[in-house]
Amino acid sequence: MKLPVLFPKIFNYPFTYKSEISESLNSGDFVKAPFGSSEITGVVWPYEQKTEKKFKIRKISKKINVKNLNSSMIEFISWFSKYNLVPLGMSLRMCLLNKDVVEKNFSKEFNKFKVKPDNNRFSLNEEQKKSLSFIRSIGNNYNVTVLEGVTGSGKTLVYFKRIKDLVDKGYQALILLPEIALTNQFSRRFKEFFDAEPAIWHSGTTKKNKSIIWKGITEGKIKIVIGARSSLFLPFRNLGIIIVDEEHDASYKQDEGVSYNARDMAITRASLENIPINLVTSIPSIETYNNIVNKKYHIT
């Protein structure tokens, strides 16, 4: 059986391998395969690179026992690669942890991130209730809704309530923040509302915590992640909503290394996942304002 395998390296196509292992392999499955003189992690890709060359086909070593990438994640990686002119393998690399997957099993490490039942300690004022009702009325399929309000007007509480709706139904949520510095203040508010530790993902997160969060997300055991730009590439098992807080902030644009605008990529990921995305702001960006005027985005 021949299979295309994509590696998290600067390649724009998968390589052809043979599989003689007992387990069946499908698109999105992670495998170990020989490459050069070493053995590295790759993912079974849905399409192969056509070539007329004759070459010796090497064998996949083993299937890795971690959850596979789902079809919407594979589609997002492919789209991101083409749109941003980034090699396909480099796009895949952004979804992994140091070019690899987390094979170690965790159990009690996930407990602190478990969201507790809503105890209704937080009540909404009339304006907040109106906004929440509007967001709920649009539904759980893909839509872009702008949550606009001056600083301190309680926008965070509105989308926390919306996230809770979806987490209670078994979905996961991603909250994007533009600056690492904002996560400390934000995490206190998160703990007060959800009665749980926030799973925080950014460049300052320790390798151990990143391993726990990556594994918890792939298994669906961690429900909510707060992160900077890079958290957009985490391989969520069952993503249900994306929040882009301070959507107008220029920090969402990454210019070093792989260049992209995380807000725009988040909108595309939501579209491919067919889930809602909320853009939260006190002053909408020019692009967002234009989409509101053209009735592409809802606003409340």
Protein backbone atom coordinates (compact mmCIF):
# COMPACT_ATOMS: atom_id res chain seq x y z
CA MET A 1 0.00 0.00 0.00
CA LYS A 2 1.47 3.36 -1.06
CA LEU A 3 0.91 6.47 1.05
CA PRO A 4 1.90 10.15 0.77
CA VAL A 5 3.59 11.44 3.94
CA LEU A 6 4.15 15.14 4.62
CA PHE A 7 7.00 16.20 6.92
CA PRO A 8 7.25 19.40 8.98
CA LYS A 9 10.17 20.68 6.91
CA ILE A 10 10.62 23.12 4.03
CA PHE A 11 8.84 20.91 1.52
CA ASN A 12 5.87 21.79 -0.62
CA TYR A 13 4.72 18.23 -1.24
CA PRO A 14 4.42 14.87 0.54
CA PHE A 15 6.77 11.93 -0.10
CA THR A 16 5.64 8.46 -1.17
CA TYR A 17 6.10 5.58 1.28
CA LYS A 18 4.99 1.96 1.55
CA SER A 19 3.00 0.70 4.50
CA GLU A 20 3.36 -2.88 5.61
CA ILE A 21 2.30 -2.30 9.21
CA SER A 22 -0.81 -4.07 10.56
CA GLU A 23 -2.76 -0.91 11.40
CA SER A 24 -4.73 0.83 8.67
CA LEU A 25 -3.61 4.36 7.85
CA ASN A 26 -5.84 7.28 6.89
CA SER A 27 -5.33 10.94 6.06
CA GLY A 28 -4.27 12.88 9.14
CA ASP A 29 -2.65 9.93 10.92
CA PHE A 30 0.80 10.59 12.37
CA VAL A 31 3.58 8.15 11.50
CA LYS A 32 7.30 7.61 11.96
CA ALA A 33 9.18 7.19 8.71
CA PRO A 34 12.85 7.04 7.64
CA PHE A 35 14.17 10.19 6.02
CA GLY A 36 17.83 10.27 5.08
CA SER A 37 19.78 8.64 7.86
CA SER A 38 17.23 9.47 10.56
CA GLU A 39 13.62 8.71 11.41
CA ILE A 40 11.17 11.59 11.74
CA THR A 41 7.50 12.30 12.35
CA GLY A 42 5.19 12.92 9.41
CA VAL A 43 1.48 12.95 8.70
CA VAL A 44 -0.40 10.91 6.11
CA TRP A 45 -1.60 13.45 3.53
CA PRO A 46 -4.74 13.20 1.37
CA TYR A 47 -2.94 13.69 -1.95
CA GLU A 48 0.44 12.71 -3.39
CA GLN A 49 3.05 14.40 -5.53
CA LYS A 50 2.96 12.97 -9.04
CA THR A 51 6.32 12.15 -10.60
CA GLU A 52 7.67 10.16 -13.54
CA LYS A 53 10.91 9.36 -11.72
CA LYS A 54 11.69 5.82 -10.65
CA PHE A 55 12.88 5.52 -7.09
CA LYS A 56 13.05 3.03 -4.27
CA ILE A 57 10.03 3.41 -2.00
CA ARG A 58 10.90 3.24 1.70
CA LYS A 59 8.64 1.83 4.39
CA ILE A 60 6.74 3.60 7.15
CA SER A 61 8.14 2.49 10.51
CA LYS A 62 5.04 2.78 12.68
CA LYS A 63 1.79 4.59 13.33
CA ILE A 64 2.00 7.01 16.28
CA ASN A 65 -0.70 6.61 18.90
CA VAL A 66 -2.02 10.18 18.95
CA LYS A 67 -5.25 11.63 17.58
CA ASN A 68 -5.09 12.38 13.88
CA LEU A 69 -5.46 15.78 12.21
CA ASN A 70 -9.09 16.20 11.16
CA SER A 71 -10.05 17.11 7.59
CA SER A 72 -10.77 20.78 8.36
CA MET A 73 -7.30 21.17 9.92
CA ILE A 74 -5.69 19.60 6.85
CA GLU A 75 -7.70 21.95 4.64
CA PHE A 76 -6.61 24.94 6.75
CA ILE A 77 -2.92 23.95 6.50
CA SER A 78 -3.22 23.60 2.72
CA TRP A 79 -5.08 26.91 2.36
CA PHE A 80 -2.65 28.76 4.65
CA SER A 81 0.29 27.44 2.63
CA LYS A 82 -1.11 28.68 -0.69
CA TYR A 83 -2.47 32.00 0.57
CA ASN A 84 0.67 33.05 2.45
CA LEU A 85 3.16 31.45 0.02
CA VAL A 86 4.57 29.24 2.77
CA PRO A 87 5.86 25.71 2.01
CA LEU A 88 3.26 23.09 2.93
CA GLY A 89 5.66 21.35 5.33
CA MET A 90 6.37 24.64 7.14
CA SER A 91 2.62 25.19 7.55
CA LEU A 92 2.30 21.72 9.08
CA ARG A 93 5.21 22.46 11.41
CA MET A 94 3.25 25.33 12.96
CA CYS A 95 0.64 22.81 14.18
CA LEU A 96 3.17 20.62 15.98
CA LEU A 97 5.40 20.97 19.01
CA ASN A 98 9.05 21.32 18.04
CA LYS A 99 8.36 19.53 14.73
CA ASP A 100 6.87 16.58 16.60
CA VAL A 101 3.77 15.28 18.35
CA VAL A 102 3.26 14.62 22.06
CA GLU A 103 3.18 10.86 22.62
CA LYS A 104 3.30 11.00 26.42
CA ASN A 105 -0.02 10.34 28.13
CA PHE A 106 -1.41 12.73 30.74
CA SER A 107 -4.44 12.40 32.98
CA LYS A 108 -4.57 14.40 36.21
CA GLU A 109 -2.65 17.23 34.53
CA PHE A 110 -5.84 18.18 32.69
CA ASN A 111 -7.92 18.53 35.88
CA LYS A 112 -6.97 22.15 36.64
CA PHE A 113 -8.24 23.22 33.21
CA LYS A 114 -11.65 21.60 33.67
CA VAL A 115 -14.39 24.21 33.40
CA LYS A 116 -16.80 24.09 36.33
CA PRO A 117 -20.62 24.34 36.02
CA ASP A 118 -21.92 27.91 35.75
CA ASN A 119 -22.91 29.14 39.18
CA ASN A 120 -24.56 32.31 37.81
CA ARG A 121 -22.38 34.59 39.93
CA PHE A 122 -22.12 36.96 37.00
CA SER A 123 -25.24 38.74 35.83
CA LEU A 124 -25.51 40.79 32.66
CA ASN A 125 -26.95 44.28 32.30
CA GLU A 126 -29.60 45.00 29.66
CA GLU A 127 -27.11 45.94 26.93
CA GLN A 128 -25.03 42.81 27.56
CA LYS A 129 -28.14 40.62 27.50
CA LYS A 130 -29.19 42.20 24.20
CA SER A 131 -25.77 41.49 22.64
CA LEU A 132 -25.69 37.91 23.91
CA SER A 133 -29.20 37.22 22.60
CA PHE A 134 -28.20 38.60 19.20
CA ILE A 135 -25.05 36.45 19.01
CA ARG A 136 -27.00 33.36 20.05
CA SER A 137 -29.72 34.06 17.48
CA ILE A 138 -27.25 33.90 14.56
CA GLY A 139 -26.50 30.27 15.36
CA ASN A 140 -23.53 27.92 15.68
CA ASN A 141 -22.54 27.74 12.00
CA TYR A 142 -19.99 30.01 10.35
CA ASN A 143 -20.66 33.70 10.80
CA VAL A 144 -18.54 36.73 11.70
CA THR A 145 -20.01 38.92 14.43
CA VAL A 146 -18.37 42.10 15.67
CA LEU A 147 -18.86 42.76 19.39
CA GLU A 148 -18.26 46.49 19.72
CA GLY A 149 -18.19 48.54 22.90
CA VAL A 150 -16.04 51.05 24.77
CA THR A 151 -13.36 49.75 27.12
CA GLY A 152 -14.95 48.54 30.34
CA SER A 153 -18.41 48.00 28.83
CA GLY A 154 -18.38 44.27 29.63
CA LYS A 155 -17.72 42.72 26.22
CA THR A 156 -15.59 39.98 27.82
CA LEU A 157 -18.45 38.79 30.01
CA VAL A 158 -20.73 38.56 26.97
CA TYR A 159 -18.41 36.28 25.02
CA PHE A 160 -17.55 34.27 28.15
CA LYS A 161 -21.28 33.45 28.39
CA ARG A 162 -21.34 32.53 24.70
CA ILE A 163 -18.29 30.28 25.10
CA LYS A 164 -19.97 28.60 28.07
CA ASP A 165 -22.99 27.79 25.86
CA LEU A 166 -20.79 25.87 23.44
CA VAL A 167 -18.46 24.23 25.97
CA ASP A 168 -21.53 22.84 27.75
CA LYS A 169 -22.39 21.14 24.44
CA GLY A 170 -18.96 19.51 24.24
CA TYR A 171 -17.21 22.01 21.95
CA GLN A 172 -13.85 23.71 22.40
CA ALA A 173 -13.09 27.43 22.22
CA LEU A 174 -10.09 29.54 21.24
CA ILE A 175 -9.62 33.08 22.57
CA LEU A 176 -6.95 35.04 20.68
CA LEU A 177 -5.26 37.97 22.41
CA PRO A 178 -2.88 40.34 20.59
CA GLU A 179 -0.25 40.68 23.33
CA ILE A 180 1.34 38.19 25.73
CA ALA A 181 1.30 40.93 28.38
CA LEU A 182 -2.52 40.91 28.37
CA THR A 183 -2.80 37.25 29.36
CA ASN A 184 -2.00 37.77 33.08
CA GLN A 185 -4.79 40.28 33.69
CA PHE A 186 -7.14 38.34 31.42
CA SER A 187 -6.44 35.01 33.12
CA ARG A 188 -7.65 36.40 36.48
CA ARG A 189 -11.02 37.28 34.95
CA PHE A 190 -11.13 33.87 33.28
CA LYS A 191 -10.56 32.07 36.60
CA GLU A 192 -13.29 34.09 38.29
CA PHE A 193 -15.83 33.21 35.61
CA PHE A 194 -14.97 29.61 34.71
CA ASP A 195 -13.57 28.57 38.11
CA ALA A 196 -10.63 26.90 36.34
CA GLU A 197 -7.06 27.62 35.33
CA PRO A 198 -6.78 28.99 31.80
CA ALA A 199 -4.75 26.99 29.29
CA ILE A 200 -2.41 29.75 28.06
CA TRP A 201 -0.41 29.30 24.85
CA HIS A 202 2.30 31.72 23.72
CA SER A 203 6.07 31.86 23.26
CA GLY A 204 6.62 32.22 27.00
CA THR A 205 4.70 29.05 27.93
CA THR A 206 7.01 26.31 29.24
CA LYS A 207 7.68 23.23 27.13
CA LYS A 208 6.01 21.02 29.74
CA ASN A 209 2.80 23.10 29.78
CA LYS A 210 2.77 23.25 25.99
CA SER A 211 2.99 19.45 25.89
CA ILE A 212 0.05 19.12 28.29
CA ILE A 213 -2.06 21.69 26.42
CA TRP A 214 -1.25 20.24 22.97
CA LYS A 215 -2.20 16.74 24.09
CA GLY A 216 -5.31 17.94 25.96
CA ILE A 217 -6.53 19.82 22.89
CA THR A 218 -6.02 16.90 20.51
CA GLU A 219 -7.94 14.60 22.87
CA GLY A 220 -10.71 17.13 23.52
CA LYS A 221 -9.97 17.19 27.26
CA ILE A 222 -8.98 20.86 27.39
CA LYS A 223 -11.96 22.93 26.32
CA ILE A 224 -10.72 26.54 26.25
CA VAL A 225 -7.37 27.97 25.17
CA ILE A 226 -6.21 31.56 25.53
CA GLY A 227 -3.36 32.35 23.21
CA ALA A 228 -1.33 34.63 21.03
CA ARG A 229 -1.11 34.26 17.23
CA SER A 230 0.50 30.81 17.25
CA SER A 231 -2.43 29.23 19.14
CA LEU A 232 -4.47 29.51 15.95
CA PHE A 233 -2.57 26.50 14.59
CA LEU A 234 -3.34 24.15 17.47
CA PRO A 235 -5.03 20.93 16.24
CA PHE A 236 -8.32 21.22 18.15
CA ARG A 237 -10.42 18.06 18.26
CA ASN A 238 -13.83 19.76 18.21
CA LEU A 239 -13.49 23.53 17.87
CA GLY A 240 -16.81 25.35 18.32
CA ILE A 241 -15.99 29.08 18.40
CA ILE A 242 -13.09 31.51 17.93
CA ILE A 243 -12.88 34.87 19.71
CA VAL A 244 -10.46 37.55 18.44
CA ASP A 245 -10.16 40.11 21.23
CA GLU A 246 -8.92 43.61 20.34
CA GLU A 247 -9.28 42.63 16.66
CA HIS A 248 -8.02 46.06 15.56
CA ASP A 249 -4.61 45.55 17.23
CA ALA A 250 -1.64 45.63 14.84
CA SER A 251 0.07 42.87 16.87
CA TYR A 252 -2.04 40.27 15.06
CA LYS A 253 0.19 40.86 12.03
CA GLN A 254 3.35 38.77 12.09
CA ASP A 255 6.16 40.08 9.92
CA GLU A 256 9.11 37.94 11.05
CA GLY A 257 9.57 34.42 9.71
CA VAL A 258 6.21 33.29 8.34
CA SER A 259 4.20 36.45 7.58
CA TYR A 260 0.45 36.40 8.19
CA ASN A 261 -2.41 38.27 9.85
CA ALA A 262 -3.78 36.08 12.64
CA ARG A 263 -7.17 37.83 12.65
CA ASP A 264 -7.71 37.12 8.95
CA MET A 265 -6.41 33.55 9.28
CA ALA A 266 -8.78 33.02 12.23
CA ILE A 267 -11.73 34.06 10.07
CA THR A 268 -10.69 31.55 7.41
CA ARG A 269 -10.22 28.78 9.98
CA ALA A 270 -13.70 29.48 11.37
CA SER A 271 -15.09 29.30 7.84
CA LEU A 272 -13.41 25.92 7.16
CA GLU A 273 -14.57 24.57 10.54
CA ASN A 274 -18.05 26.03 9.89
CA ILE A 275 -18.13 27.69 13.32
CA PRO A 276 -18.87 31.25 14.53
CA ILE A 277 -16.12 33.81 15.11
CA ASN A 278 -16.52 36.95 17.23
CA LEU A 279 -14.32 39.99 16.58
CA VAL A 280 -14.20 42.03 19.78
CA THR A 281 -13.21 45.70 19.65
CA SER A 282 -13.73 49.21 20.96
CA ILE A 283 -12.88 50.70 17.53
CA PRO A 284 -13.18 48.34 14.52
CA SER A 285 -10.25 48.12 12.14
CA ILE A 286 -10.72 49.62 8.66
CA GLU A 287 -11.09 46.15 7.11
CA THR A 288 -13.68 45.10 9.67
CA TYR A 289 -15.61 48.37 9.37
CA ASN A 290 -15.73 47.95 5.59
CA ASN A 291 -17.13 44.41 5.97
CA ILE A 292 -19.76 45.71 8.41
CA VAL A 293 -20.82 48.42 5.93
CA ASN A 294 -21.02 45.81 3.16
CA LYS A 295 -23.11 43.58 5.46
CA LYS A 296 -20.59 40.72 5.36
CA TYR A 297 -20.24 40.89 9.15
CA HIS A 298 -22.92 41.21 11.82
CA ILE A 299 -22.42 43.81 14.57
CA THR A 300 -23.79 44.18 18.08
